[in-house]
């Protein structure tokens, strides 16, 4: 899984991640990938992703349920 995420570094993606008992949709750019986590820059919408700075989050692989390229 880390190999595939490394291929997507710099790409804008939509992630569905499990946060506690809730599912959360995240629009983000992949910044860095570790052995069992991915570091992403989270944006509110596509317009902000083009020029703005987002919040950095670290997500463990086990919390990620779905990923789509934007």
Protein backbone atom coordinates (compact mmCIF):
# COMPACT_ATOMS: atom_id res chain seq x y z
CA UNK A 1 0.00 0.00 0.00
CA UNK A 2 2.85 2.40 0.80
CA UNK A 3 4.27 1.84 -2.69
CA UNK A 4 1.04 2.99 -4.36
CA UNK A 5 0.72 6.02 -2.07
CA UNK A 6 4.32 7.02 -2.89
CA UNK A 7 3.34 7.08 -6.58
CA UNK A 8 0.58 9.58 -5.69
CA UNK A 9 2.78 12.09 -3.80
CA UNK A 10 1.77 15.58 -4.97
CA UNK A 11 -1.59 14.42 -6.34
CA UNK A 12 -4.97 15.78 -5.26
CA UNK A 13 -7.11 12.93 -3.90
CA UNK A 14 -10.39 12.36 -2.13
CA UNK A 15 -10.03 10.00 0.84
CA UNK A 16 -12.74 8.33 2.88
CA UNK A 17 -11.26 7.81 6.32
CA UNK A 18 -12.66 6.32 9.49
CA UNK A 19 -12.53 8.80 12.37
CA UNK A 20 -13.69 7.06 15.51
CA UNK A 21 -17.05 5.59 14.57
CA UNK A 22 -17.72 8.14 11.81
CA UNK A 23 -16.67 8.15 8.15
CA UNK A 24 -15.08 11.37 6.93
CA UNK A 25 -14.48 12.53 3.33
CA UNK A 26 -11.22 14.44 2.93
CA UNK A 27 -9.97 16.44 -0.09
CA UNK A 28 -6.19 16.47 0.20
CA UNK A 29 -2.80 16.44 -1.46
CA UNK A 30 -0.47 13.60 -0.47
CA UNK A 31 2.72 15.06 1.02
CA UNK A 32 4.63 12.14 2.48
CA UNK A 33 4.26 8.39 3.01
CA UNK A 34 5.62 6.24 5.83
CA UNK A 35 5.52 2.51 6.41
CA UNK A 36 2.02 2.56 7.91
CA UNK A 37 0.78 6.14 7.51
CA UNK A 38 0.24 8.88 4.94
CA UNK A 39 0.72 12.61 5.55
CA UNK A 40 -1.75 14.82 3.68
CA UNK A 41 -2.51 18.52 3.30
CA UNK A 42 -6.28 18.88 3.73
CA UNK A 43 -8.35 21.49 1.83
CA UNK A 44 -11.97 22.66 2.10
CA UNK A 45 -12.53 22.68 -1.70
CA UNK A 46 -10.70 22.41 -5.05
CA UNK A 47 -10.24 26.18 -5.36
CA UNK A 48 -8.26 26.35 -2.12
CA UNK A 49 -6.19 23.34 -3.18
CA UNK A 50 -4.82 25.22 -6.19
CA UNK A 51 -3.26 28.11 -4.29
CA UNK A 52 -3.82 27.96 -0.56
CA UNK A 53 -2.22 26.27 2.38
CA UNK A 54 -4.21 23.54 4.03
CA UNK A 55 -3.96 21.76 7.35
CA UNK A 56 -1.52 18.85 7.63
CA UNK A 57 -2.91 15.53 8.90
CA UNK A 58 -1.34 12.13 9.39
CA UNK A 59 -3.64 9.20 8.64
CA UNK A 60 -2.82 5.57 9.46
CA UNK A 61 -3.38 3.20 6.54
CA UNK A 62 -5.95 1.21 8.53
CA UNK A 63 -8.23 4.27 8.80
CA UNK A 64 -8.32 4.84 5.01
CA UNK A 65 -11.26 3.01 3.42
CA UNK A 66 -11.38 4.54 -0.09
CA UNK A 67 -9.24 6.79 -2.28
CA UNK A 68 -10.13 8.59 -5.54
CA UNK A 69 -7.94 10.76 -7.76
CA UNK A 70 -9.40 14.26 -8.31
